[in-house]
Amino acid sequence: MTGSRIGVLALQGDVREHVQTLRSLGADAPTVRRPTELAAVDALVIPGGESTVIGRLSRLFDLRDPIRERIREGMPVLGTCAGLIMLADRIIDGVDGQETFGGLDVVVRRNAFGRQTESFEAELDVPALPGGPVTAAFIRGPVIEEVGPRATALASLADGRVVAVEQDALIGISFHPEITGETRFHARLMTHAAQRAAAAR
């Protein structure tokens, strides 16, 4: 998996932590703030932060439409927390006029876990990831209300709420793996990127 060029969308959020995680796995991890930088990466991480701000800045930096196009072309993407919202095809409780990049056949609810003071950690069983439970940090995260037929649930909380999904090379999770030192979602993204590169040869 080494040698993959995995960009981190650097408009807002935990950019540095994602870059460090990817580099620890052997990836080249440039930050992405403009279309030329997006064009040079094999895959993309959309960090947590504030989805409305990410959406607004993506328009300001002329990245919204190029990201949408790359997703349609099959670029692998990992969206964490607000990044999951940006990947969702539909949002519940979005602000007026809020738009996403789309691609994931899911319905998400913003800030489903309350305020930042109500943040928590949970151990998740993720059968698609070998190596035991995932320690997940939830900070004002979204929840996946509906999983469409094109997407697959990867993990749920004990109460049944879905918090991780995958659709082809798109991965969306409600939590922050970069905070707890969890690297397996990033490694899975790198695997998707390597498989896509091999298929294109």
N, C-alpha and C. Protein backbone atom coordinates (compact mmCIF):
# COMPACT_ATOMS: atom_id res chain seq x y z
N MET A 1 0.81 -1.20 0.00
CA MET A 1 0.00 0.00 0.00
C MET A 1 0.85 1.26 0.00
N THR A 2 2.13 1.12 0.31
CA THR A 2 2.99 2.29 0.32
C THR A 2 3.07 2.86 -1.08
N GLY A 3 3.32 4.17 -1.17
CA GLY A 3 3.41 4.83 -2.45
C GLY A 3 2.12 5.47 -2.89
N SER A 4 1.02 5.16 -2.22
CA SER A 4 -0.25 5.80 -2.54
C SER A 4 -0.20 7.28 -2.19
N ARG A 5 -0.84 8.07 -3.03
CA ARG A 5 -0.90 9.52 -2.79
C ARG A 5 -2.32 9.84 -2.32
N ILE A 6 -2.48 9.98 -1.01
CA ILE A 6 -3.79 10.15 -0.39
C ILE A 6 -3.90 11.59 0.11
N GLY A 7 -4.70 12.40 -0.55
CA GLY A 7 -4.85 13.79 -0.16
C GLY A 7 -5.75 13.94 1.05
N VAL A 8 -5.54 15.02 1.80
CA VAL A 8 -6.41 15.39 2.92
C VAL A 8 -6.99 16.76 2.61
N LEU A 9 -8.31 16.83 2.51
CA LEU A 9 -8.97 18.10 2.23
C LEU A 9 -8.68 19.06 3.37
N ALA A 10 -8.02 20.16 3.07
CA ALA A 10 -7.47 21.04 4.12
C ALA A 10 -8.21 22.37 4.18
N LEU A 11 -9.54 22.30 4.19
CA LEU A 11 -10.33 23.52 4.30
C LEU A 11 -10.67 23.83 5.75
N GLN A 12 -10.84 22.79 6.57
CA GLN A 12 -11.18 22.96 7.98
C GLN A 12 -11.14 21.61 8.65
N GLY A 13 -10.90 21.57 9.95
CA GLY A 13 -10.98 20.32 10.69
C GLY A 13 -9.63 19.73 11.05
N ASP A 14 -9.64 18.41 11.38
CA ASP A 14 -8.45 17.73 11.90
C ASP A 14 -7.50 17.32 10.77
N VAL A 15 -7.03 18.29 10.04
CA VAL A 15 -6.21 18.01 8.86
C VAL A 15 -4.88 17.39 9.27
N ARG A 16 -4.18 17.99 10.19
CA ARG A 16 -2.84 17.54 10.58
C ARG A 16 -2.87 16.10 11.09
N GLU A 17 -3.88 15.77 11.90
CA GLU A 17 -3.95 14.42 12.48
C GLU A 17 -4.15 13.37 11.39
N HIS A 18 -4.95 13.67 10.38
CA HIS A 18 -5.13 12.72 9.29
C HIS A 18 -3.85 12.58 8.46
N VAL A 19 -3.17 13.67 8.22
CA VAL A 19 -1.90 13.62 7.49
C VAL A 19 -0.91 12.73 8.24
N GLN A 20 -0.82 12.91 9.55
CA GLN A 20 0.11 12.11 10.35
C GLN A 20 -0.25 10.63 10.32
N THR A 21 -1.55 10.32 10.39
CA THR A 21 -1.99 8.92 10.35
C THR A 21 -1.62 8.28 9.02
N LEU A 22 -1.88 8.97 7.93
CA LEU A 22 -1.57 8.44 6.61
C LEU A 22 -0.07 8.25 6.42
N ARG A 23 0.72 9.21 6.87
CA ARG A 23 2.16 9.10 6.72
C ARG A 23 2.71 7.96 7.56
N SER A 24 2.09 7.68 8.73
CA SER A 24 2.53 6.56 9.56
C SER A 24 2.31 5.22 8.86
N LEU A 25 1.39 5.22 7.88
CA LEU A 25 1.09 4.00 7.11
C LEU A 25 1.88 3.93 5.80
N GLY A 26 2.73 4.93 5.57
CA GLY A 26 3.58 4.91 4.40
C GLY A 26 3.03 5.66 3.20
N ALA A 27 1.94 6.38 3.37
CA ALA A 27 1.36 7.11 2.24
C ALA A 27 1.97 8.49 2.12
N ASP A 28 2.07 8.96 0.89
CA ASP A 28 2.31 10.38 0.63
C ASP A 28 0.97 11.06 0.91
N ALA A 29 0.95 12.07 1.78
CA ALA A 29 -0.31 12.65 2.23
C ALA A 29 -0.30 14.17 2.07
N PRO A 30 -0.41 14.66 0.84
CA PRO A 30 -0.46 16.11 0.63
C PRO A 30 -1.80 16.69 1.05
N THR A 31 -1.78 17.95 1.43
CA THR A 31 -3.04 18.64 1.70
C THR A 31 -3.63 19.15 0.39
N VAL A 32 -4.95 19.24 0.36
CA VAL A 32 -5.67 19.63 -0.85
C VAL A 32 -6.51 20.87 -0.56
N ARG A 33 -6.18 21.97 -1.26
CA ARG A 33 -6.94 23.21 -1.11
C ARG A 33 -7.37 23.79 -2.46
N ARG A 34 -6.89 23.20 -3.55
CA ARG A 34 -7.22 23.75 -4.87
C ARG A 34 -7.37 22.61 -5.88
N PRO A 35 -8.04 22.87 -6.98
CA PRO A 35 -8.31 21.80 -7.94
C PRO A 35 -7.06 21.11 -8.47
N THR A 36 -5.98 21.83 -8.68
CA THR A 36 -4.77 21.19 -9.19
C THR A 36 -4.21 20.18 -8.19
N GLU A 37 -4.35 20.48 -6.91
CA GLU A 37 -3.88 19.54 -5.88
C GLU A 37 -4.79 18.32 -5.81
N LEU A 38 -6.09 18.53 -5.99
CA LEU A 38 -7.02 17.40 -6.02
C LEU A 38 -6.71 16.47 -7.19
N ALA A 39 -6.39 17.05 -8.34
CA ALA A 39 -6.13 16.25 -9.54
C ALA A 39 -4.91 15.36 -9.38
N ALA A 40 -4.03 15.69 -8.43
CA ALA A 40 -2.77 14.97 -8.28
C ALA A 40 -2.83 13.83 -7.26
N VAL A 41 -3.99 13.59 -6.63
CA VAL A 41 -4.07 12.55 -5.61
C VAL A 41 -4.86 11.35 -6.11
N ASP A 42 -4.59 10.19 -5.48
CA ASP A 42 -5.27 8.95 -5.83
C ASP A 42 -6.55 8.74 -5.02
N ALA A 43 -6.62 9.36 -3.86
CA ALA A 43 -7.76 9.21 -2.96
C ALA A 43 -7.79 10.44 -2.06
N LEU A 44 -8.87 10.57 -1.28
CA LEU A 44 -9.06 11.78 -0.48
C LEU A 44 -9.65 11.44 0.88
N VAL A 45 -9.17 12.13 1.90
CA VAL A 45 -9.79 12.11 3.24
C VAL A 45 -10.49 13.44 3.44
N ILE A 46 -11.76 13.38 3.85
CA ILE A 46 -12.50 14.59 4.23
C ILE A 46 -12.62 14.56 5.75
N PRO A 47 -11.92 15.46 6.45
CA PRO A 47 -11.87 15.39 7.91
C PRO A 47 -13.17 15.85 8.56
N GLY A 48 -13.22 15.62 9.88
CA GLY A 48 -14.27 16.22 10.68
C GLY A 48 -14.07 17.72 10.77
N GLY A 49 -15.06 18.38 11.30
CA GLY A 49 -15.06 19.84 11.39
C GLY A 49 -16.50 20.30 11.40
N GLU A 50 -16.82 21.28 10.59
CA GLU A 50 -18.18 21.78 10.46
C GLU A 50 -18.59 21.67 9.00
N SER A 51 -19.59 20.83 8.74
CA SER A 51 -19.94 20.53 7.35
C SER A 51 -20.38 21.77 6.57
N THR A 52 -21.06 22.70 7.23
CA THR A 52 -21.49 23.90 6.51
C THR A 52 -20.30 24.75 6.09
N VAL A 53 -19.28 24.81 6.95
CA VAL A 53 -18.07 25.57 6.63
C VAL A 53 -17.30 24.88 5.50
N ILE A 54 -17.16 23.56 5.59
CA ILE A 54 -16.47 22.82 4.53
C ILE A 54 -17.17 23.02 3.20
N GLY A 55 -18.50 22.96 3.22
CA GLY A 55 -19.26 23.16 1.99
C GLY A 55 -19.06 24.55 1.41
N ARG A 56 -19.10 25.56 2.27
CA ARG A 56 -18.94 26.94 1.80
C ARG A 56 -17.53 27.18 1.26
N LEU A 57 -16.52 26.68 1.98
CA LEU A 57 -15.15 26.89 1.53
C LEU A 57 -14.84 26.09 0.26
N SER A 58 -15.47 24.94 0.10
CA SER A 58 -15.24 24.17 -1.12
C SER A 58 -15.73 24.94 -2.35
N ARG A 59 -16.79 25.70 -2.19
CA ARG A 59 -17.24 26.55 -3.30
C ARG A 59 -16.28 27.71 -3.50
N LEU A 60 -15.85 28.33 -2.40
CA LEU A 60 -14.95 29.47 -2.48
C LEU A 60 -13.63 29.11 -3.16
N PHE A 61 -13.14 27.89 -2.89
CA PHE A 61 -11.87 27.44 -3.44
C PHE A 61 -12.05 26.66 -4.75
N ASP A 62 -13.26 26.70 -5.30
CA ASP A 62 -13.56 26.02 -6.57
C ASP A 62 -13.26 24.53 -6.52
N LEU A 63 -13.58 23.92 -5.38
CA LEU A 63 -13.32 22.49 -5.22
C LEU A 63 -14.58 21.63 -5.24
N ARG A 64 -15.74 22.24 -5.02
CA ARG A 64 -16.95 21.43 -4.88
C ARG A 64 -17.21 20.57 -6.12
N ASP A 65 -17.28 21.20 -7.26
CA ASP A 65 -17.59 20.44 -8.47
C ASP A 65 -16.48 19.46 -8.86
N PRO A 66 -15.19 19.84 -8.75
CA PRO A 66 -14.15 18.85 -9.03
C PRO A 66 -14.19 17.63 -8.11
N ILE A 67 -14.50 17.85 -6.81
CA ILE A 67 -14.60 16.71 -5.90
C ILE A 67 -15.78 15.84 -6.30
N ARG A 68 -16.90 16.45 -6.61
CA ARG A 68 -18.07 15.67 -7.06
C ARG A 68 -17.72 14.83 -8.29
N GLU A 69 -17.01 15.43 -9.21
CA GLU A 69 -16.65 14.71 -10.43
C GLU A 69 -15.71 13.55 -10.14
N ARG A 70 -14.71 13.78 -9.28
CA ARG A 70 -13.79 12.69 -8.94
C ARG A 70 -14.52 11.55 -8.24
N ILE A 71 -15.49 11.89 -7.38
CA ILE A 71 -16.27 10.84 -6.72
C ILE A 71 -17.06 10.05 -7.75
N ARG A 72 -17.67 10.74 -8.70
CA ARG A 72 -18.41 10.04 -9.76
C ARG A 72 -17.50 9.13 -10.58
N GLU A 73 -16.24 9.53 -10.73
CA GLU A 73 -15.27 8.73 -11.49
C GLU A 73 -14.74 7.53 -10.70
N GLY A 74 -15.05 7.47 -9.39
CA GLY A 74 -14.63 6.33 -8.59
C GLY A 74 -13.47 6.58 -7.65
N MET A 75 -13.08 7.85 -7.43
CA MET A 75 -11.99 8.13 -6.50
C MET A 75 -12.34 7.61 -5.11
N PRO A 76 -11.46 6.85 -4.47
CA PRO A 76 -11.72 6.42 -3.09
C PRO A 76 -11.71 7.62 -2.14
N VAL A 77 -12.65 7.65 -1.21
CA VAL A 77 -12.76 8.74 -0.25
C VAL A 77 -13.11 8.16 1.12
N LEU A 78 -12.46 8.70 2.16
CA LEU A 78 -12.82 8.44 3.55
C LEU A 78 -13.34 9.73 4.13
N GLY A 79 -14.60 9.73 4.60
CA GLY A 79 -15.17 10.90 5.25
C GLY A 79 -15.43 10.60 6.71
N THR A 80 -14.82 11.39 7.61
CA THR A 80 -14.99 11.19 9.05
C THR A 80 -15.81 12.33 9.62
N CYS A 81 -16.82 12.00 10.41
CA CYS A 81 -17.68 12.97 11.09
C CYS A 81 -18.30 13.93 10.07
N ALA A 82 -17.88 15.19 10.04
CA ALA A 82 -18.42 16.11 9.03
C ALA A 82 -18.14 15.61 7.62
N GLY A 83 -17.05 14.87 7.45
CA GLY A 83 -16.74 14.29 6.14
C GLY A 83 -17.79 13.29 5.70
N LEU A 84 -18.37 12.55 6.66
CA LEU A 84 -19.48 11.65 6.34
C LEU A 84 -20.67 12.46 5.84
N ILE A 85 -20.97 13.57 6.49
CA ILE A 85 -22.07 14.42 6.04
C ILE A 85 -21.83 14.88 4.61
N MET A 86 -20.60 15.28 4.31
CA MET A 86 -20.28 15.78 2.96
C MET A 86 -20.40 14.68 1.91
N LEU A 87 -20.26 13.41 2.29
CA LEU A 87 -20.39 12.31 1.34
C LEU A 87 -21.84 11.84 1.18
N ALA A 88 -22.69 12.17 2.13
CA ALA A 88 -24.06 11.66 2.11
C ALA A 88 -24.87 12.27 0.96
N ASP A 89 -25.72 11.46 0.36
CA ASP A 89 -26.61 11.97 -0.66
C ASP A 89 -27.73 12.82 -0.09
N ARG A 90 -28.11 12.54 1.19
CA ARG A 90 -29.22 13.28 1.79
C ARG A 90 -28.89 13.59 3.25
N ILE A 91 -29.36 14.78 3.71
CA ILE A 91 -29.13 15.23 5.08
C ILE A 91 -30.47 15.54 5.74
N ILE A 92 -30.60 15.14 7.01
CA ILE A 92 -31.70 15.58 7.85
C ILE A 92 -31.16 16.68 8.77
N ASP A 93 -31.94 17.72 8.97
CA ASP A 93 -31.55 18.85 9.84
C ASP A 93 -30.38 19.64 9.29
N GLY A 94 -30.22 19.65 7.99
CA GLY A 94 -29.21 20.52 7.39
C GLY A 94 -29.67 21.97 7.44
N VAL A 95 -28.74 22.90 7.33
CA VAL A 95 -29.11 24.31 7.28
C VAL A 95 -29.68 24.61 5.90
N ASP A 96 -30.42 25.72 5.81
CA ASP A 96 -31.03 26.08 4.53
C ASP A 96 -29.98 26.17 3.43
N GLY A 97 -30.24 25.47 2.34
CA GLY A 97 -29.34 25.53 1.19
C GLY A 97 -28.09 24.69 1.31
N GLN A 98 -27.95 23.92 2.39
CA GLN A 98 -26.73 23.13 2.57
C GLN A 98 -26.63 22.06 1.49
N GLU A 99 -25.46 21.96 0.87
CA GLU A 99 -25.21 20.96 -0.17
C GLU A 99 -24.03 20.10 0.24
N THR A 100 -24.01 18.89 -0.31
CA THR A 100 -22.91 17.97 -0.04
C THR A 100 -22.22 17.61 -1.35
N PHE A 101 -21.11 16.89 -1.23
CA PHE A 101 -20.49 16.33 -2.43
C PHE A 101 -21.30 15.14 -2.93
N GLY A 102 -21.88 14.38 -2.00
CA GLY A 102 -22.68 13.23 -2.36
C GLY A 102 -21.84 12.03 -2.77
N GLY A 103 -22.53 10.96 -3.11
CA GLY A 103 -21.88 9.73 -3.52
C GLY A 103 -22.29 8.54 -2.70
N LEU A 104 -22.51 8.76 -1.37
CA LEU A 104 -22.93 7.67 -0.49
C LEU A 104 -24.45 7.62 -0.43
N ASP A 105 -25.00 6.46 -0.68
CA ASP A 105 -26.44 6.26 -0.68
C ASP A 105 -26.95 6.10 0.76
N VAL A 106 -26.88 7.21 1.51
CA VAL A 106 -27.32 7.20 2.91
C VAL A 106 -28.04 8.51 3.22
N VAL A 107 -28.81 8.47 4.31
CA VAL A 107 -29.40 9.66 4.91
C VAL A 107 -28.73 9.86 6.26
N VAL A 108 -28.15 11.04 6.51
CA VAL A 108 -27.49 11.31 7.79
C VAL A 108 -28.20 12.45 8.52
N ARG A 109 -28.09 12.39 9.84
CA ARG A 109 -28.61 13.46 10.69
C ARG A 109 -27.44 14.18 11.34
N ARG A 110 -27.35 15.48 11.15
CA ARG A 110 -26.25 16.27 11.71
C ARG A 110 -26.35 16.33 13.24
N ASN A 111 -25.18 16.41 13.89
CA ASN A 111 -25.09 16.63 15.34
C ASN A 111 -26.04 15.72 16.12
N ALA A 112 -26.10 14.47 15.71
CA ALA A 112 -27.05 13.54 16.31
C ALA A 112 -26.69 13.18 17.75
N PHE A 113 -25.43 13.40 18.14
CA PHE A 113 -25.00 13.01 19.48
C PHE A 113 -24.90 14.20 20.43
N GLY A 114 -25.53 15.32 20.08
CA GLY A 114 -25.57 16.45 21.00
C GLY A 114 -24.37 17.36 20.90
N ARG A 115 -24.17 18.14 21.94
CA ARG A 115 -23.11 19.15 21.96
C ARG A 115 -21.75 18.50 22.21
N GLN A 116 -20.70 19.31 22.04
CA GLN A 116 -19.34 18.80 22.20
C GLN A 116 -19.12 18.28 23.62
N THR A 117 -19.78 18.89 24.61
CA THR A 117 -19.63 18.44 25.99
C THR A 117 -20.21 17.05 26.21
N GLU A 118 -21.01 16.57 25.26
CA GLU A 118 -21.60 15.24 25.36
C GLU A 118 -20.81 14.21 24.55
N SER A 119 -19.59 14.54 24.19
CA SER A 119 -18.74 13.61 23.44
C SER A 119 -18.48 12.35 24.25
N PHE A 120 -18.23 11.25 23.56
CA PHE A 120 -17.99 9.99 24.25
C PHE A 120 -17.19 9.06 23.36
N GLU A 121 -16.65 8.00 23.96
CA GLU A 121 -15.97 6.95 23.22
C GLU A 121 -16.75 5.65 23.36
N ALA A 122 -16.66 4.82 22.33
CA ALA A 122 -17.33 3.52 22.35
C ALA A 122 -16.47 2.50 21.63
N GLU A 123 -16.59 1.25 22.05
CA GLU A 123 -15.93 0.15 21.37
C GLU A 123 -16.89 -0.42 20.33
N LEU A 124 -16.44 -0.47 19.08
CA LEU A 124 -17.29 -0.93 17.99
C LEU A 124 -16.75 -2.22 17.38
N ASP A 125 -17.66 -3.12 17.09
CA ASP A 125 -17.30 -4.31 16.33
C ASP A 125 -17.44 -3.99 14.86
N VAL A 126 -16.33 -4.10 14.13
CA VAL A 126 -16.33 -3.81 12.69
C VAL A 126 -15.81 -5.06 11.98
N PRO A 127 -16.71 -5.98 11.61
CA PRO A 127 -16.26 -7.26 11.04
C PRO A 127 -15.38 -7.12 9.81
N ALA A 128 -15.54 -6.03 9.06
CA ALA A 128 -14.73 -5.85 7.85
C ALA A 128 -13.29 -5.51 8.16
N LEU A 129 -13.00 -5.13 9.40
CA LEU A 129 -11.64 -4.75 9.79
C LEU A 129 -11.09 -5.79 10.75
N PRO A 130 -10.10 -6.57 10.36
CA PRO A 130 -9.51 -7.53 11.29
C PRO A 130 -8.73 -6.81 12.39
N GLY A 131 -8.58 -7.48 13.52
CA GLY A 131 -7.75 -6.92 14.57
C GLY A 131 -8.49 -6.51 15.82
N GLY A 132 -9.75 -6.88 15.95
CA GLY A 132 -10.48 -6.58 17.17
C GLY A 132 -11.29 -5.31 17.10
N PRO A 133 -11.92 -4.94 18.22
CA PRO A 133 -12.83 -3.79 18.23
C PRO A 133 -12.12 -2.47 17.89
N VAL A 134 -12.91 -1.54 17.40
CA VAL A 134 -12.45 -0.19 17.10
C VAL A 134 -12.86 0.73 18.24
N THR A 135 -11.90 1.51 18.76
CA THR A 135 -12.22 2.54 19.74
C THR A 135 -12.59 3.81 18.99
N ALA A 136 -13.85 4.22 19.11
CA ALA A 136 -14.38 5.33 18.32
C ALA A 136 -14.71 6.52 19.21
N ALA A 137 -14.22 7.70 18.82
CA ALA A 137 -14.50 8.94 19.54
C ALA A 137 -15.58 9.71 18.79
N PHE A 138 -16.69 9.96 19.47
CA PHE A 138 -17.82 10.68 18.89
C PHE A 138 -17.86 12.09 19.44
N ILE A 139 -17.72 13.08 18.54
CA ILE A 139 -17.71 14.49 18.94
C ILE A 139 -18.70 15.23 18.05
N ARG A 140 -19.89 15.51 18.55
CA ARG A 140 -20.92 16.19 17.78
C ARG A 140 -21.11 15.52 16.41
N GLY A 141 -21.04 14.22 16.38
CA GLY A 141 -21.05 13.50 15.12
C GLY A 141 -22.43 13.29 14.55
N PRO A 142 -22.49 12.98 13.26
CA PRO A 142 -23.75 12.62 12.63
C PRO A 142 -24.07 11.15 12.87
N VAL A 143 -25.30 10.78 12.64
CA VAL A 143 -25.68 9.37 12.67
C VAL A 143 -26.32 9.04 11.32
N ILE A 144 -26.18 7.81 10.91
CA ILE A 144 -26.73 7.37 9.62
C ILE A 144 -28.14 6.84 9.87
N GLU A 145 -29.13 7.62 9.44
CA GLU A 145 -30.53 7.26 9.69
C GLU A 145 -31.02 6.17 8.73
N GLU A 146 -30.55 6.22 7.50
CA GLU A 146 -30.98 5.23 6.50
C GLU A 146 -29.77 4.82 5.67
N VAL A 147 -29.66 3.53 5.40
CA VAL A 147 -28.62 2.99 4.52
C VAL A 147 -29.31 2.50 3.26
N GLY A 148 -29.03 3.14 2.13
CA GLY A 148 -29.66 2.76 0.87
C GLY A 148 -29.13 1.45 0.33
N PRO A 149 -29.74 0.94 -0.72
CA PRO A 149 -29.36 -0.37 -1.24
C PRO A 149 -27.96 -0.44 -1.82
N ARG A 150 -27.37 0.70 -2.20
CA ARG A 150 -26.03 0.66 -2.78
C ARG A 150 -24.94 0.69 -1.72
N ALA A 151 -25.29 1.01 -0.47
CA ALA A 151 -24.31 1.12 0.62
C ALA A 151 -24.45 -0.06 1.57
N THR A 152 -23.40 -0.30 2.36
CA THR A 152 -23.37 -1.40 3.31
C THR A 152 -22.95 -0.87 4.67
N ALA A 153 -23.70 -1.20 5.72
CA ALA A 153 -23.32 -0.81 7.07
C ALA A 153 -22.08 -1.59 7.51
N LEU A 154 -21.11 -0.88 8.08
CA LEU A 154 -19.90 -1.51 8.60
C LEU A 154 -19.93 -1.66 10.11
N ALA A 155 -20.61 -0.73 10.81
CA ALA A 155 -20.61 -0.76 12.28
C ALA A 155 -21.82 -0.02 12.81
N SER A 156 -22.29 -0.48 13.97
CA SER A 156 -23.43 0.15 14.64
C SER A 156 -23.13 0.23 16.13
N LEU A 157 -23.77 1.20 16.78
CA LEU A 157 -23.72 1.27 18.24
C LEU A 157 -24.59 0.18 18.84
N ALA A 158 -24.49 0.00 20.15
CA ALA A 158 -25.26 -1.04 20.83
C ALA A 158 -26.76 -0.84 20.65
N ASP A 159 -27.20 0.41 20.47
CA ASP A 159 -28.63 0.67 20.30
C ASP A 159 -29.10 0.51 18.86
N GLY A 160 -28.19 0.10 17.98
CA GLY A 160 -28.56 -0.18 16.60
C GLY A 160 -28.31 0.95 15.62
N ARG A 161 -27.94 2.14 16.11
CA ARG A 161 -27.69 3.25 15.20
C ARG A 161 -26.43 3.00 14.39
N VAL A 162 -26.53 3.15 13.08
CA VAL A 162 -25.41 2.88 12.18
C VAL A 162 -24.44 4.07 12.20
N VAL A 163 -23.14 3.77 12.36
CA VAL A 163 -22.14 4.83 12.47
C VAL A 163 -20.98 4.66 11.49
N ALA A 164 -21.04 3.64 10.64
CA ALA A 164 -20.00 3.47 9.62
C ALA A 164 -20.61 2.73 8.43
N VAL A 165 -20.30 3.22 7.23
CA VAL A 165 -20.82 2.60 6.01
C VAL A 165 -19.73 2.58 4.95
N GLU A 166 -19.96 1.74 3.96
CA GLU A 166 -19.05 1.67 2.82
C GLU A 166 -19.87 1.45 1.55
N GLN A 167 -19.45 2.07 0.48
CA GLN A 167 -20.08 1.88 -0.82
C GLN A 167 -19.00 1.93 -1.88
N ASP A 168 -18.69 0.80 -2.46
CA ASP A 168 -17.58 0.71 -3.39
C ASP A 168 -16.32 1.23 -2.70
N ALA A 169 -15.71 2.31 -3.19
CA ALA A 169 -14.48 2.83 -2.59
C ALA A 169 -14.73 4.04 -1.69
N LEU A 170 -15.98 4.26 -1.30
CA LEU A 170 -16.32 5.35 -0.38
C LEU A 170 -16.56 4.78 1.01
N ILE A 171 -15.94 5.41 2.01
CA ILE A 171 -16.11 5.01 3.41
C ILE A 171 -16.57 6.23 4.19
N GLY A 172 -17.67 6.10 4.93
CA GLY A 172 -18.15 7.20 5.75
C GLY A 172 -18.34 6.74 7.18
N ILE A 173 -17.75 7.48 8.13
CA ILE A 173 -17.86 7.10 9.54
C ILE A 173 -18.23 8.32 10.38
N SER A 174 -18.98 8.08 11.46
CA SER A 174 -19.49 9.17 12.30
C SER A 174 -18.48 9.69 13.29
N PHE A 175 -17.35 9.02 13.42
CA PHE A 175 -16.43 9.29 14.53
C PHE A 175 -15.06 9.70 14.01
N HIS A 176 -14.11 9.85 14.94
CA HIS A 176 -12.79 10.40 14.65
C HIS A 176 -11.70 9.36 14.93
N PRO A 177 -11.33 8.53 13.96
CA PRO A 177 -10.27 7.55 14.22
C PRO A 177 -8.91 8.19 14.46
N GLU A 178 -8.70 9.37 13.89
CA GLU A 178 -7.40 10.04 14.04
C GLU A 178 -7.13 10.48 15.47
N ILE A 179 -8.18 10.57 16.30
CA ILE A 179 -8.03 10.99 17.69
C ILE A 179 -7.62 9.82 18.59
N THR A 180 -8.12 8.63 18.28
CA THR A 180 -7.87 7.47 19.13
C THR A 180 -6.70 6.61 18.66
N GLY A 181 -6.03 7.03 17.59
CA GLY A 181 -4.91 6.25 17.06
C GLY A 181 -5.34 5.08 16.22
N GLU A 182 -6.59 5.05 15.79
CA GLU A 182 -7.11 3.98 14.94
C GLU A 182 -6.70 4.23 13.50
N THR A 183 -6.00 3.27 12.90
CA THR A 183 -5.46 3.46 11.54
C THR A 183 -6.13 2.58 10.48
N ARG A 184 -7.00 1.68 10.88
CA ARG A 184 -7.48 0.68 9.93
C ARG A 184 -8.41 1.24 8.85
N PHE A 185 -9.14 2.30 9.16
CA PHE A 185 -9.98 2.90 8.12
C PHE A 185 -9.11 3.60 7.06
N HIS A 186 -8.05 4.26 7.52
CA HIS A 186 -7.12 4.88 6.57
C HIS A 186 -6.43 3.81 5.73
N ALA A 187 -6.04 2.71 6.36
CA ALA A 187 -5.41 1.61 5.62
C ALA A 187 -6.38 1.02 4.59
N ARG A 188 -7.65 0.93 4.95
CA ARG A 188 -8.65 0.41 4.00
C ARG A 188 -8.79 1.36 2.81
N LEU A 189 -8.76 2.67 3.08
CA LEU A 189 -8.80 3.64 2.00
C LEU A 189 -7.59 3.46 1.08
N MET A 190 -6.43 3.27 1.65
CA MET A 190 -5.23 3.06 0.85
C MET A 190 -5.33 1.80 0.00
N THR A 191 -5.95 0.74 0.55
CA THR A 191 -6.16 -0.49 -0.22
C THR A 191 -7.07 -0.22 -1.41
N HIS A 192 -8.15 0.52 -1.19
CA HIS A 192 -9.03 0.88 -2.29
C HIS A 192 -8.26 1.64 -3.37
N ALA A 193 -7.41 2.58 -2.95
CA ALA A 193 -6.64 3.37 -3.91
C ALA A 193 -5.69 2.49 -4.71
N ALA A 194 -5.01 1.56 -4.02
CA ALA A 194 -4.08 0.67 -4.70
C ALA A 194 -4.81 -0.26 -5.68
N GLN A 195 -5.98 -0.76 -5.28
CA GLN A 195 -6.75 -1.63 -6.18
C GLN A 195 -7.22 -0.87 -7.41
N ARG A 196 -7.64 0.37 -7.21
CA ARG A 196 -8.11 1.16 -8.36
C ARG A 196 -6.94 1.45 -9.30
N ALA A 197 -5.77 1.75 -8.75
CA ALA A 197 -4.60 2.03 -9.58
C ALA A 197 -4.21 0.78 -10.37
N ALA A 198 -4.27 -0.39 -9.71
CA ALA A 198 -3.91 -1.64 -10.39
C ALA A 198 -4.89 -1.95 -11.52
N ALA A 199 -6.18 -1.67 -11.28
CA ALA A 199 -7.19 -1.94 -12.30
C ALA A 199 -7.04 -1.04 -13.51
N ALA A 200 -6.46 0.14 -13.28
CA ALA A 200 -6.31 1.11 -14.38
C ALA A 200 -5.10 0.81 -15.25
N ARG A 201 -4.21 -0.06 -14.79
CA ARG A 201 -3.00 -0.36 -15.56
C ARG A 201 -3.30 -1.20 -16.79
